[in-house]
Amino acid sequence: MKFITRCFLLVLVGLLTGCATVLVQPKTDLSAPNFEYRLGPGDIIDIFVWRNSDLTVNGIPVRPDGKISVPLVEELSASGKTPKQLARDIEGQLAKYIKDPFVTVMVRDFVGQIDDQIRVVGEAATPRSLAYRKSLTVLDVMIAVGGLTEHAAGNRAVLVRKVGGKQVSIPVYLESLLKDGVIDANISMAPGDILIIPESWF
């Protein structure tokens, strides 16, 4: 009787273990990084100059060369700067023409630096690049790209990330996250991450 009971328990444990989803993450810091948004080509910005409505402009694009043109300033480099840094640079240029200018730069449409963008390739419904934002998670990314295709091997997905100047590959269990609701698979993204989703073998 004891032998049968032990066998039954072993079988039960085996079944439970087989049904459970066990996630094994590498020893890589997966916490959300500190991040300050940097402007990039394609961003659309609004520039407000206090007490100078004629110098206030909306919908200014950051050109492919990373520069902008605004009233009284023919060309000014914007790419790679934070909105605050760009505002101070514009103030420096406008100080040649008006007294004590105060400028605020607001981003209307976000693209960001190429090095900061999140890239999703492979078996996503709509593979594309996304502007990184603070506290972005892999679930947010998958919602933005429309989820997985029917041929995706979601639990063989890999996140390629630069850590300490080196590229590391982090396993991402997308199928467990999206289909089984395993919240532990919802890891934080970092600027410049590349999410690679392979095709299923069968």
Protein backbone atom coordinates (compact mmCIF):
# COMPACT_ATOMS: atom_id res chain seq x y z
CA MET A 1 0.00 0.00 0.00
CA LYS A 2 2.82 2.37 0.91
CA PHE A 3 4.54 1.55 -2.37
CA ILE A 4 1.40 2.41 -4.36
CA THR A 5 0.95 5.65 -2.44
CA ARG A 6 4.53 6.68 -3.13
CA CYS A 7 4.14 5.89 -6.82
CA PHE A 8 0.96 7.93 -6.96
CA LEU A 9 2.66 10.92 -5.31
CA LEU A 10 5.62 10.72 -7.67
CA VAL A 11 3.34 10.65 -10.69
CA LEU A 12 1.32 13.57 -9.32
CA VAL A 13 4.43 15.67 -8.69
CA GLY A 14 5.68 14.84 -12.17
CA LEU A 15 2.41 15.94 -13.74
CA LEU A 16 2.32 19.19 -11.77
CA THR A 17 5.91 19.96 -12.64
CA GLY A 18 5.28 19.25 -16.29
CA CYS A 19 2.25 21.55 -16.36
CA ALA A 20 3.94 24.41 -14.52
CA THR A 21 5.74 27.13 -16.47
CA VAL A 22 9.20 27.63 -15.03
CA LEU A 23 11.08 30.73 -16.16
CA VAL A 24 14.83 30.84 -15.80
CA GLN A 25 16.26 34.31 -16.35
CA PRO A 26 20.00 35.02 -16.68
CA LYS A 27 21.95 37.03 -14.11
CA THR A 28 21.44 40.26 -16.01
CA ASP A 29 19.97 43.43 -14.52
CA LEU A 30 16.46 43.53 -15.99
CA SER A 31 15.25 46.53 -14.00
CA ALA A 32 14.08 49.69 -15.78
CA PRO A 33 17.07 51.98 -16.46
CA ASN A 34 17.26 55.68 -15.70
CA PHE A 35 16.34 57.45 -18.92
CA GLU A 36 16.19 61.00 -20.22
CA TYR A 37 14.61 61.49 -23.63
CA ARG A 38 16.91 62.70 -26.38
CA LEU A 39 15.59 64.25 -29.57
CA GLY A 40 16.14 62.53 -32.87
CA PRO A 41 15.40 63.03 -36.59
CA GLY A 42 11.66 62.82 -37.23
CA ASP A 43 10.60 64.27 -33.87
CA ILE A 44 8.03 67.07 -34.03
CA ILE A 45 8.48 69.81 -31.46
CA ASP A 46 6.72 72.97 -30.27
CA ILE A 47 8.84 75.95 -29.22
CA PHE A 48 7.35 78.51 -26.85
CA VAL A 49 9.17 81.81 -26.31
CA TRP A 50 7.75 83.64 -23.30
CA ARG A 51 6.38 87.13 -24.08
CA ASN A 52 7.35 86.72 -27.74
CA SER A 53 4.41 85.15 -29.54
CA ASP A 54 5.90 86.01 -32.93
CA LEU A 55 8.85 83.71 -32.11
CA THR A 56 6.66 80.90 -30.74
CA VAL A 57 6.29 78.12 -33.33
CA ASN A 58 4.52 74.75 -33.38
CA GLY A 59 5.06 71.58 -35.37
CA ILE A 60 8.76 72.05 -36.08
CA PRO A 61 10.34 68.83 -37.44
CA VAL A 62 13.82 67.70 -36.55
CA ARG A 63 15.30 67.23 -40.00
CA PRO A 64 17.13 64.07 -41.16
CA ASP A 65 20.41 65.91 -40.55
CA GLY A 66 19.36 66.41 -36.91
CA LYS A 67 18.88 70.19 -37.18
CA ILE A 68 15.95 72.59 -36.86
CA SER A 69 15.14 76.03 -38.23
CA VAL A 70 13.15 78.57 -36.21
CA PRO A 71 12.57 82.33 -36.44
CA LEU A 72 15.86 84.23 -36.05
CA VAL A 73 17.77 80.95 -35.93
CA GLU A 74 18.44 79.51 -39.39
CA GLU A 75 20.04 76.25 -38.25
CA LEU A 76 20.53 74.69 -34.86
CA SER A 77 21.52 71.13 -33.97
CA ALA A 78 18.75 69.35 -32.04
CA SER A 79 19.44 65.64 -32.40
CA GLY A 80 20.95 64.03 -29.32
CA LYS A 81 19.85 66.83 -27.00
CA THR A 82 17.14 66.73 -24.35
CA PRO A 83 14.28 69.21 -24.85
CA LYS A 84 15.68 71.23 -21.94
CA GLN A 85 19.16 71.38 -23.48
CA LEU A 86 17.71 72.50 -26.82
CA ALA A 87 15.67 75.21 -25.06
CA ARG A 88 18.83 76.60 -23.46
CA ASP A 89 20.62 76.56 -26.84
CA ILE A 90 17.75 78.45 -28.49
CA GLU A 91 17.85 80.99 -25.67
CA GLY A 92 21.54 81.51 -26.36
CA GLN A 93 20.82 82.22 -30.02
CA LEU A 94 17.83 84.49 -29.34
CA ALA A 95 19.79 86.50 -26.75
CA LYS A 96 21.49 88.20 -29.70
CA TYR A 97 18.16 89.78 -30.65
CA ILE A 98 15.94 89.97 -27.54
CA LYS A 99 16.56 90.57 -23.86
CA ASP A 100 16.49 87.61 -21.45
CA PRO A 101 14.63 85.10 -23.65
CA PHE A 102 12.93 82.21 -21.89
CA VAL A 103 12.21 79.16 -24.08
CA THR A 104 10.29 75.94 -23.49
CA VAL A 105 10.55 72.98 -25.90
CA MET A 106 7.75 70.42 -25.95
CA VAL A 107 7.83 67.19 -27.95
CA ARG A 108 4.63 66.50 -29.88
CA ASP A 109 5.56 63.34 -31.85
CA PHE A 110 8.24 61.03 -30.48
CA VAL A 111 10.83 59.18 -32.55
CA GLY A 112 14.00 59.69 -30.54
CA GLN A 113 17.59 58.74 -31.14
CA ILE A 114 18.18 55.69 -33.33
CA ASP A 115 20.39 54.18 -30.61
CA ASP A 116 17.53 54.50 -28.12
CA GLN A 117 14.81 52.93 -30.28
CA ILE A 118 13.37 49.49 -29.60
CA ARG A 119 13.47 47.19 -32.63
CA VAL A 120 11.15 44.21 -33.03
CA VAL A 121 12.05 41.73 -35.78
CA GLY A 122 10.82 38.31 -36.85
CA GLU A 123 7.41 36.82 -36.13
CA ALA A 124 5.61 39.87 -34.73
CA ALA A 125 2.35 40.87 -36.37
CA THR A 126 3.89 44.22 -37.40
CA PRO A 127 7.68 44.22 -36.90
CA ARG A 128 8.94 47.78 -36.48
CA SER A 129 10.96 50.26 -34.44
CA LEU A 130 9.45 52.03 -31.43
CA ALA A 131 10.50 55.09 -29.49
CA TYR A 132 11.70 54.05 -26.03
CA ARG A 133 9.90 55.52 -23.05
CA LYS A 134 10.54 55.16 -19.35
CA SER A 135 9.06 52.04 -17.70
CA LEU A 136 8.41 50.35 -21.06
CA THR A 137 7.94 46.58 -20.72
CA VAL A 138 8.00 43.73 -23.21
CA LEU A 139 4.21 43.47 -22.87
CA ASP A 140 3.86 47.12 -23.92
CA VAL A 141 6.06 46.38 -26.92
CA MET A 142 4.01 43.34 -27.94
CA ILE A 143 0.78 45.34 -27.72
CA ALA A 144 2.33 48.02 -29.94
CA VAL A 145 3.34 45.49 -32.62
CA GLY A 146 0.04 43.58 -32.53
CA GLY A 147 1.25 40.43 -30.80
CA LEU A 148 2.70 37.28 -32.35
CA THR A 149 2.02 35.66 -35.70
CA GLU A 150 0.56 32.15 -35.80
CA HIS A 151 3.98 30.82 -36.82
CA ALA A 152 5.90 32.47 -33.97
CA ALA A 153 7.97 30.47 -31.49
CA GLY A 154 7.24 32.94 -28.70
CA ASN A 155 9.08 31.09 -25.94
CA ARG A 156 12.27 31.04 -28.01
CA ALA A 157 12.34 34.83 -28.39
CA VAL A 158 15.56 36.63 -27.49
CA LEU A 159 16.21 40.16 -26.30
CA VAL A 160 19.59 41.50 -27.45
CA ARG A 161 20.85 44.21 -25.09
CA LYS A 162 24.08 46.12 -24.56
CA VAL A 163 25.34 45.67 -21.02
CA GLY A 164 28.67 47.18 -20.01
CA GLY A 165 29.68 47.66 -23.64
CA LYS A 166 28.92 44.04 -24.54
CA GLN A 167 25.89 42.48 -26.22
CA VAL A 168 24.03 39.90 -24.18
CA SER A 169 21.12 37.68 -25.20
CA ILE A 170 18.24 37.45 -22.74
CA PRO A 171 15.57 34.75 -23.19
CA VAL A 172 12.03 36.15 -23.33
CA TYR A 173 9.02 33.86 -22.86
CA LEU A 174 6.49 35.72 -25.00
CA GLU A 175 4.08 32.82 -25.43
CA SER A 176 3.94 32.23 -21.68
CA LEU A 177 3.33 35.95 -21.15
CA LEU A 178 0.71 36.48 -23.86
CA LYS A 179 -1.16 33.17 -23.81
CA ASP A 180 -0.70 31.89 -20.26
CA GLY A 181 -0.50 35.20 -18.42
CA VAL A 182 2.82 34.43 -16.72
CA ILE A 183 3.54 37.92 -15.43
CA ASP A 184 7.15 37.06 -14.48
CA ALA A 185 7.90 37.01 -18.21
CA ASN A 186 7.02 40.71 -18.49
CA ILE A 187 10.51 42.18 -18.19
CA SER A 188 11.51 45.84 -18.46
CA MET A 189 12.92 47.12 -21.75
CA ALA A 190 16.02 49.27 -22.11
CA PRO A 191 16.97 51.84 -24.78
CA GLY A 192 18.40 50.15 -27.87
CA ASP A 193 16.95 46.68 -27.14
CA ILE A 194 16.35 44.37 -30.11
CA LEU A 195 13.59 41.79 -29.67
CA ILE A 196 14.04 38.82 -32.01
CA ILE A 197 11.07 36.46 -32.44
CA PRO A 198 11.93 33.27 -34.36
CA GLU A 199 9.60 31.15 -36.47
CA SER A 200 8.35 27.86 -35.10
CA TRP A 201 10.03 24.75 -36.46
CA PHE A 202 6.70 23.06 -37.09
